[in-house]
Protein backbone atom coordinates (compact mmCIF):
# COMPACT_ATOMS: atom_id res chain seq x y z
CA MET A 1 144.09 88.99 106.76
CA PRO A 2 144.16 87.54 103.25
CA ALA A 3 141.22 85.50 102.05
CA ASP A 4 141.47 81.73 102.14
CA PRO A 5 142.57 80.67 98.63
CA GLY A 6 140.44 77.58 99.01
CA GLU A 7 137.24 79.68 99.26
CA PRO A 8 135.77 81.16 96.07
CA ALA A 9 135.60 84.94 95.99
CA GLY A 10 132.10 86.34 96.31
CA PRO A 11 130.47 88.47 93.63
CA GLY A 12 131.05 92.21 93.73
CA LEU A 13 128.41 94.75 94.65
CA ARG A 14 127.65 95.63 91.03
CA ALA A 15 127.11 91.98 90.13
CA GLU A 16 124.80 91.48 93.10
CA LEU A 17 122.78 94.57 92.19
CA GLU A 18 122.43 93.37 88.61
CA ALA A 19 121.31 89.93 89.77
CA VAL A 20 118.65 91.32 92.11
CA LEU A 21 117.34 93.96 89.70
CA MET A 22 117.12 91.39 86.92
CA VAL A 23 114.25 89.62 88.70
CA VAL A 24 112.19 92.52 90.08
CA ASP A 25 108.87 93.54 88.54
CA GLU A 26 108.73 97.01 90.09
CA PRO A 27 111.27 99.68 91.10
CA VAL A 28 113.23 98.82 94.27
CA ALA A 29 114.29 101.52 96.74
CA GLU A 30 117.95 102.01 97.62
CA GLU A 31 117.21 101.32 101.30
CA ARG A 32 115.81 97.89 100.50
CA LEU A 33 118.70 96.99 98.22
CA ALA A 34 121.16 98.08 100.89
CA GLY A 35 119.40 95.93 103.47
CA VAL A 36 119.26 92.84 101.26
CA LEU A 37 122.91 93.13 100.23
CA GLU A 38 124.06 94.23 103.70
CA ARG A 39 125.89 97.26 102.37
CA PRO A 40 125.74 100.96 103.33
CA ARG A 41 123.07 102.85 101.43
CA ALA A 42 125.56 105.43 100.16
CA GLU A 43 127.71 102.66 98.67
CA VAL A 44 124.70 101.05 97.00
CA ALA A 45 123.46 104.40 95.65
CA ALA A 46 126.87 105.18 94.16
CA ALA A 47 127.12 101.74 92.56
CA LEU A 48 123.65 102.07 91.01
CA ARG A 49 124.52 105.41 89.43
CA GLU A 50 127.83 104.04 88.17
CA LEU A 51 126.03 101.07 86.60
CA SER A 52 123.48 103.36 84.95
CA ALA A 53 126.22 105.59 83.54
CA SER A 54 128.21 102.63 82.26
CA TYR A 55 125.20 101.17 80.42
CA THR A 56 124.63 104.51 78.72
CA ALA A 57 128.30 104.91 77.82
CA GLN A 58 128.35 101.40 76.34
CA GLY A 59 125.19 102.00 74.31
CA ARG A 60 123.46 98.97 75.82
CA GLY A 61 119.91 98.12 74.79
CA PHE A 62 118.71 98.46 78.37
CA ASP A 63 118.93 101.22 80.93
CA LEU A 64 118.95 101.39 84.72
CA ARG A 65 116.74 104.23 85.94
CA LEU A 66 115.54 105.77 89.20
CA VAL A 67 111.76 105.98 88.78
CA ALA A 68 108.90 106.15 91.30
CA GLY A 69 111.31 106.05 94.22
CA GLY A 70 113.26 102.97 93.14
CA TRP A 71 115.61 101.41 90.62
CA ARG A 72 114.72 99.04 87.79
CA PHE A 73 115.96 97.95 84.36
CA TYR A 74 114.13 99.40 81.35
CA THR A 75 114.37 99.06 77.61
CA ARG A 76 116.40 101.94 76.20
CA GLU A 77 114.12 104.33 74.31
CA THR A 78 116.03 103.88 71.05
CA CYS A 79 115.25 100.15 71.16
CA SER A 80 111.60 100.39 72.22
CA ALA A 81 110.24 99.89 68.71
CA ALA A 82 111.91 96.49 68.43
CA VAL A 83 110.52 95.41 71.80
CA ASP A 84 107.03 96.61 70.85
CA ARG A 85 107.14 94.57 67.65
CA PHE A 86 108.24 91.49 69.57
CA LEU A 87 105.65 91.78 72.37
CA LEU A 88 102.71 93.12 70.40
CA ASP A 89 103.28 91.49 67.02
CA GLY A 90 101.85 94.48 65.23
CA GLN A 91 98.90 95.03 67.60
CA GLN A 92 98.28 98.59 68.74
CA ALA A 93 98.58 98.94 72.51
CA ARG A 94 97.80 102.58 73.13
CA LEU A 95 95.24 103.99 75.50
CA THR A 96 92.22 105.60 73.87
CA GLN A 97 91.89 109.36 73.88
CA ALA A 98 89.12 109.05 76.49
CA ALA A 99 91.42 107.01 78.75
CA LEU A 100 94.28 109.50 78.34
CA GLU A 101 91.99 112.42 79.15
CA THR A 102 90.61 110.67 82.22
CA LEU A 103 94.11 109.74 83.38
CA ALA A 104 95.22 113.36 82.97
CA VAL A 105 92.33 114.61 85.12
CA VAL A 106 93.11 112.08 87.87
CA ALA A 107 96.81 112.98 87.77
CA TYR A 108 96.21 116.70 88.19
CA ARG A 109 93.22 116.59 90.56
CA GLN A 110 94.08 113.59 92.74
CA PRO A 111 92.67 112.36 94.99
CA VAL A 112 89.45 112.78 93.03
CA SER A 113 86.10 111.00 92.77
CA ARG A 114 84.68 109.52 89.57
CA SER A 115 81.84 112.04 89.60
CA ARG A 116 84.28 114.96 89.64
CA VAL A 117 86.33 113.41 86.85
CA SER A 118 83.13 113.02 84.83
CA ALA A 119 82.25 116.65 85.55
CA VAL A 120 85.63 117.86 84.29
CA ARG A 121 85.37 115.79 81.11
CA GLY A 122 81.68 116.51 80.57
CA VAL A 123 80.90 112.82 80.02
CA ASN A 124 80.42 109.74 82.20
CA CYS A 125 83.80 108.08 82.73
CA ASP A 126 82.91 105.11 84.97
CA GLY A 127 83.89 102.55 82.34
CA VAL A 128 87.17 104.29 81.54
CA MET A 129 88.03 104.53 85.24
CA ARG A 130 87.50 100.79 85.62
CA THR A 131 89.86 100.22 82.70
CA LEU A 132 92.54 102.42 84.24
CA VAL A 133 92.19 100.61 87.58
CA GLN A 134 92.45 97.21 85.88
CA ARG A 135 95.64 98.28 84.13
CA GLY A 136 97.18 99.44 87.38
CA LEU A 137 97.45 103.11 86.40
CA VAL A 138 94.86 104.32 88.93
CA GLU A 139 93.93 103.04 92.40
CA GLU A 140 91.47 103.78 95.19
CA ALA A 141 92.63 106.32 97.78
CA GLY A 142 89.99 106.36 100.51
CA SER A 143 86.70 108.23 100.38
CA GLU A 144 85.34 111.77 100.67
CA PRO A 145 84.27 112.49 104.28
CA GLU A 146 81.27 114.52 103.12
CA THR A 147 79.79 112.19 100.49
CA GLY A 148 81.48 108.84 101.03
CA ALA A 149 82.44 108.77 97.34
CA ILE A 150 85.53 106.68 96.54
CA LEU A 151 88.59 108.75 95.69
CA TYR A 152 91.18 107.78 93.12
CA ARG A 153 94.84 108.57 92.57
CA THR A 154 97.58 107.54 90.15
CA THR A 155 99.84 104.62 91.08
CA ASN A 156 103.58 104.04 91.18
CA TYR A 157 103.09 102.07 87.96
CA PHE A 158 101.75 105.27 86.35
CA LEU A 159 104.89 107.12 87.46
CA GLU A 160 107.00 104.28 86.14
CA ARG A 161 105.32 104.32 82.72
CA MET A 162 105.63 108.10 82.52
CA GLY A 163 109.25 108.04 83.64
CA LEU A 164 108.58 110.30 86.64
CA ARG A 165 110.01 110.18 90.14
CA GLY A 166 106.86 111.71 91.61
CA VAL A 167 103.69 113.58 90.68
CA ASP A 168 105.51 116.83 91.44
CA GLU A 169 107.41 116.28 88.16
CA LEU A 170 104.20 116.48 86.10
CA PRO A 171 104.25 119.53 83.79
CA GLU A 172 102.28 122.56 84.95
CA LEU A 173 98.81 122.40 83.38
CA ALA A 174 96.72 124.56 85.72
CA PRO A 175 95.53 126.86 82.88
CA PHE A 176 94.05 123.84 81.10
CA LEU A 177 92.32 122.25 84.09
CA PRO A 178 90.40 124.83 86.17
CA GLU A 179 88.55 123.78 89.29
CA VAL A 180 85.21 122.11 88.62
CA ASP A 181 83.43 124.49 90.97
CA ASP A 182 84.58 127.50 88.92
CA VAL A 183 83.40 126.38 85.48
CA GLU A 184 80.32 124.71 84.04
CA ALA A 185 81.07 121.08 83.23
CA GLU A 186 79.88 121.42 79.62
CA SER A 187 82.44 124.14 78.90
CA LEU A 188 85.27 121.78 79.82
CA GLU A 189 84.42 119.18 77.20
CA GLY A 190 86.52 119.09 74.00
CA THR A 191 89.60 121.15 73.35
CA MET A 192 90.58 121.94 76.95
CA ILE A 193 91.33 118.35 77.97
CA ALA A 194 92.73 117.54 74.52
CA GLU A 195 95.19 120.42 74.91
CA ALA A 196 96.08 119.29 78.42
CA VAL A 197 96.81 115.73 77.30
CA ALA A 198 98.81 116.96 74.32
CA ALA A 199 100.86 119.22 76.58
CA ALA A 200 101.54 116.37 79.00
CA GLN A 201 102.62 114.03 76.23
CA SER A 202 104.82 116.71 74.67
CA ALA A 203 106.46 117.53 77.99
CA ASP A 204 107.10 113.85 78.75
CA GLY A 205 108.48 113.10 75.30
CA SER A 206 108.88 109.38 76.00
CA GLY A 207 105.35 108.19 75.16
CA GLU A 208 105.59 105.64 77.95
CA ALA A 209 101.96 105.96 79.06
CA GLY A 210 100.77 105.50 75.54
CA ARG A 211 102.09 101.95 75.60
CA ALA A 212 100.31 100.94 78.78
CA GLY A 213 98.07 98.29 77.25
CA PRO A 214 95.59 97.36 74.48
CA ASP A 215 93.34 100.12 73.21
CA ARG A 216 89.98 100.45 74.88
């Protein structure tokens, strides 16, 4: 039955997806988008991938990516310098080396307590851990049954900043981060963690985590 010419045609699926994703502040799963728009998930998933491909083909300044289990708009990497200049006005916004090292240990040993992170790094990292929690890169994940110590893990925001779909996409760094029980803490300080962080940054290539907030 033809539509009533007196009624305005509704927006298409692509337009609705763009409108919703324009206002989100974290990645949105395909299931949720399908529910909100009352469309089959397969149809929504196909439309999202078509939109992403079209933005790339058109050379747009933004990109639509599947990160941390959901979809969200991001600045295209080739335009990130311009956005940084606009938002930061020349201020450096990179994590300190200590914060990067601590974040790397949490990522590869999670869930992990602060004391074990400190043991791996060879220095007290309580202050750095608080900074990472405040910036939303690390969060509490219960406690150790034996000691009651709070455990920490990386967040979806960490995955988002790193451009990863899950922690299983982290590069393999086992040779750089042996178990704490197998090595004296002092022997882990210095080059081992520095090499691990450098390898992670090199493997990622995007430098997303390095722009997570003001240096501290």
